[in-house]
């Protein structure tokens, strides 16, 4: 749901995600391109209440089509409040989602970024603050327009250093800061 759409039953979840994007992703500059799109209302938030994998994947394809048909939406965040709560089930779903992206002919057009409340990078301890670069209030998939990302990266100095900078920033801030942000985001839904 972009900012100009009417309120719905999903609005508290969307507000929670917006709070998290503002305080974590933008607040710690984990994505240096997020603020412009956030401030201009060009992020579409879609809550997928389906627990069935097939229906969840169908929602993903619908979101690809929404982006195809709406150039005023720069990026979409699909929020999965049910069905993907366990991190390893979410990772399996993410693999299906990436396979679907290829099958539907969207390779090079969109890419998927992953966020989950229990996100943990390979070979990183569960309590490492670095995991909070991808920990979110709900399991989510962020659909990014590759062309827009490429354009943004052209003007960004040393974009290959973004992940390392994010890890350092998260570790410098400490785990409690991010736990508080997630806890505060939950108060909105």
Protein backbone atom coordinates (compact mmCIF):
# COMPACT_ATOMS: atom_id res chain seq x y z
CA UNK A 1 0.00 0.00 0.00
CA UNK A 2 1.49 3.31 -1.00
CA UNK A 3 0.91 6.34 1.21
CA UNK A 4 -2.05 7.68 -0.78
CA UNK A 5 -4.27 4.62 -0.37
CA UNK A 6 -7.16 4.40 2.13
CA UNK A 7 -6.82 2.79 5.55
CA UNK A 8 -7.38 -0.95 5.81
CA UNK A 9 -7.31 -3.70 8.41
CA UNK A 10 -3.70 -4.24 7.38
CA UNK A 11 -2.70 -0.66 8.21
CA UNK A 12 -1.30 -1.42 11.70
CA UNK A 13 1.09 -4.00 10.18
CA UNK A 14 2.06 -1.58 7.43
CA UNK A 15 2.62 1.17 10.01
CA UNK A 16 4.85 -1.22 11.95
CA UNK A 17 6.92 -1.92 8.84
CA UNK A 18 7.12 1.78 7.94
CA UNK A 19 8.35 2.56 11.45
CA UNK A 20 11.02 -0.13 11.12
CA UNK A 21 12.08 1.11 7.66
CA UNK A 22 12.37 4.66 8.97
CA UNK A 23 14.21 3.82 12.21
CA UNK A 24 16.42 0.96 11.00
CA UNK A 25 16.90 0.96 7.22
CA UNK A 26 16.91 4.75 6.86
CA UNK A 27 17.98 5.64 10.39
CA UNK A 28 21.17 3.59 10.14
CA UNK A 29 21.52 4.20 6.40
CA UNK A 30 21.56 0.46 5.70
CA UNK A 31 20.14 1.28 2.28
CA UNK A 32 21.38 4.69 1.14
CA UNK A 33 18.63 4.82 -1.51
CA UNK A 34 15.63 4.14 0.75
CA UNK A 35 15.00 7.61 2.16
CA UNK A 36 14.09 9.24 -1.15
CA UNK A 37 11.56 6.53 -2.03
CA UNK A 38 10.16 6.44 1.51
CA UNK A 39 9.72 10.22 1.68
CA UNK A 40 8.12 10.39 -1.76
CA UNK A 41 5.64 7.58 -0.98
CA UNK A 42 6.89 5.36 -3.82
CA UNK A 43 7.01 2.19 -1.71
CA UNK A 44 4.03 -0.13 -1.99
CA UNK A 45 3.29 -2.25 1.10
CA UNK A 46 1.22 -5.38 0.59
CA UNK A 47 0.12 -7.72 3.38
CA UNK A 48 -0.20 -11.35 2.27
CA UNK A 49 -2.43 -13.19 4.75
CA UNK A 50 -2.09 -16.53 2.99
CA UNK A 51 -0.41 -19.48 4.73
CA UNK A 52 -0.37 -21.69 1.65
CA UNK A 53 2.93 -21.50 -0.26
CA UNK A 54 1.20 -21.56 -3.63
CA UNK A 55 -1.00 -18.59 -2.67
CA UNK A 56 2.01 -16.73 -1.25
CA UNK A 57 3.86 -17.22 -4.54
CA UNK A 58 0.78 -16.11 -6.45
CA UNK A 59 0.83 -12.89 -4.41
CA UNK A 60 4.45 -12.41 -5.44
CA UNK A 61 3.58 -12.73 -9.13
CA UNK A 62 0.71 -10.28 -8.62
CA UNK A 63 3.20 -7.83 -7.14
CA UNK A 64 5.50 -8.23 -10.16
CA UNK A 65 2.51 -7.35 -12.34
CA UNK A 66 1.63 -4.37 -10.13
CA UNK A 67 5.16 -3.03 -10.60
CA UNK A 68 4.99 -3.73 -14.34
CA UNK A 69 1.84 -1.62 -14.61
CA UNK A 70 2.66 1.19 -12.14
CA UNK A 71 5.81 3.15 -12.84
CA UNK A 72 4.92 5.48 -9.96
CA UNK A 73 5.68 2.61 -7.54
CA UNK A 74 9.42 2.32 -7.22
CA UNK A 75 9.57 -0.72 -4.97
CA UNK A 76 7.29 -3.14 -3.11
CA UNK A 77 7.46 -4.79 0.27
CA UNK A 78 5.38 -7.93 0.72
CA UNK A 79 4.60 -8.61 4.38
CA UNK A 80 3.84 -12.22 5.39
CA UNK A 81 2.37 -12.16 8.92
CA UNK A 82 1.39 -15.85 8.82
CA UNK A 83 2.94 -19.01 7.45
CA UNK A 84 6.61 -18.01 7.33
CA UNK A 85 7.34 -17.36 10.99
CA UNK A 86 10.02 -20.06 11.20
CA UNK A 87 13.22 -18.78 9.61
CA UNK A 88 14.17 -21.98 7.80
CA UNK A 89 10.68 -22.29 6.29
CA UNK A 90 11.06 -18.68 5.19
CA UNK A 91 14.41 -19.48 3.55
CA UNK A 92 12.79 -22.35 1.64
CA UNK A 93 10.06 -19.96 0.51
CA UNK A 94 12.67 -17.41 -0.55
CA UNK A 95 14.30 -20.06 -2.74
CA UNK A 96 10.91 -20.80 -4.35
CA UNK A 97 10.38 -17.04 -4.82
CA UNK A 98 13.72 -16.60 -6.56
CA UNK A 99 12.99 -19.62 -8.78
CA UNK A 100 9.62 -18.09 -9.64
CA UNK A 101 11.25 -14.78 -10.51
CA UNK A 102 13.36 -16.64 -13.08
CA UNK A 103 10.47 -18.78 -14.37
CA UNK A 104 8.29 -15.70 -14.89
CA UNK A 105 11.02 -13.98 -16.92
CA UNK A 106 11.85 -11.27 -14.38
CA UNK A 107 15.57 -11.95 -14.01
CA UNK A 108 17.35 -8.66 -14.61
CA UNK A 109 14.11 -6.72 -14.09
CA UNK A 110 13.49 -7.30 -10.38
CA UNK A 111 15.49 -8.72 -7.55
CA UNK A 112 14.37 -9.90 -4.15
CA UNK A 113 15.74 -8.81 -0.79
CA UNK A 114 14.90 -10.80 2.30
CA UNK A 115 13.94 -9.71 5.81
CA UNK A 116 12.76 -11.80 8.75
CA UNK A 117 12.39 -11.34 12.53
CA UNK A 118 14.92 -14.16 13.13
CA UNK A 119 17.27 -13.36 10.26
CA UNK A 120 20.73 -14.80 10.80
CA UNK A 121 23.58 -14.75 8.32
CA UNK A 122 25.57 -17.93 7.70
CA UNK A 123 28.42 -18.40 10.17
CA UNK A 124 27.29 -15.44 12.30
CA UNK A 125 26.12 -15.97 15.89
CA UNK A 126 22.37 -15.45 16.44
CA UNK A 127 22.99 -12.54 18.83
CA UNK A 128 25.39 -10.68 16.50
CA UNK A 129 23.99 -7.17 15.86
CA UNK A 130 24.98 -7.58 12.17
CA UNK A 131 21.87 -9.76 11.73
CA UNK A 132 19.68 -6.72 12.42
CA UNK A 133 20.50 -5.30 9.00
CA UNK A 134 17.93 -7.88 7.80
CA UNK A 135 15.74 -8.40 10.88
CA UNK A 136 12.26 -6.98 10.50
CA UNK A 137 8.94 -6.98 12.36
CA UNK A 138 7.50 -9.64 9.99
CA UNK A 139 8.80 -12.02 7.35
CA UNK A 140 9.04 -9.87 4.24
CA UNK A 141 10.24 -9.83 0.66
CA UNK A 142 11.35 -6.56 -0.85
CA UNK A 143 11.04 -6.38 -4.64
CA UNK A 144 13.60 -4.01 -6.14
CA UNK A 145 13.65 -2.66 -9.68
CA UNK A 146 17.10 -3.62 -11.00
CA UNK A 147 17.29 -0.72 -13.47
CA UNK A 148 16.67 1.81 -10.69
CA UNK A 149 19.21 0.13 -8.44
CA UNK A 150 21.83 0.17 -11.18
CA UNK A 151 21.24 3.88 -11.77
CA UNK A 152 21.51 4.64 -8.06
CA UNK A 153 24.72 2.62 -7.74
CA UNK A 154 26.33 4.49 -10.65
CA UNK A 155 26.43 7.65 -8.54
CA UNK A 156 27.30 6.04 -5.23
CA UNK A 157 30.99 5.84 -4.27
CA UNK A 158 32.22 2.29 -3.62
CA UNK A 159 28.83 0.55 -3.35
CA UNK A 160 30.61 -2.76 -2.75
CA UNK A 161 31.46 -1.45 0.73
CA UNK A 162 27.80 -0.99 1.75
CA UNK A 163 27.44 -4.45 3.39
CA UNK A 164 30.66 -4.10 5.40
CA UNK A 165 29.70 -0.57 6.46
CA UNK A 166 26.27 -1.83 7.54
CA UNK A 167 27.77 -4.63 9.62
CA UNK A 168 30.13 -2.20 11.34
CA UNK A 169 27.30 0.28 11.96
CA UNK A 170 25.03 -2.41 13.41
CA UNK A 171 27.76 -3.76 15.68
CA UNK A 172 28.65 -0.24 16.83
CA UNK A 173 25.01 0.47 17.72
CA UNK A 174 24.58 -2.84 19.55
CA UNK A 175 21.84 -5.42 19.74
CA UNK A 176 19.68 -3.56 22.30
CA UNK A 177 19.11 -0.58 20.01
CA UNK A 178 17.64 -2.82 17.32
CA UNK A 179 15.62 -4.89 19.78
CA UNK A 180 14.05 -1.65 21.02
CA UNK A 181 13.16 -0.56 17.48
CA UNK A 182 11.51 -3.91 16.75
CA UNK A 183 9.68 -3.83 20.09
CA UNK A 184 8.41 -0.32 19.40
CA UNK A 185 7.31 -1.35 15.91
CA UNK A 186 5.21 -4.15 17.43
CA UNK A 187 3.28 -1.59 19.48
CA UNK A 188 1.90 -0.23 16.21
CA UNK A 189 0.16 -3.48 15.25
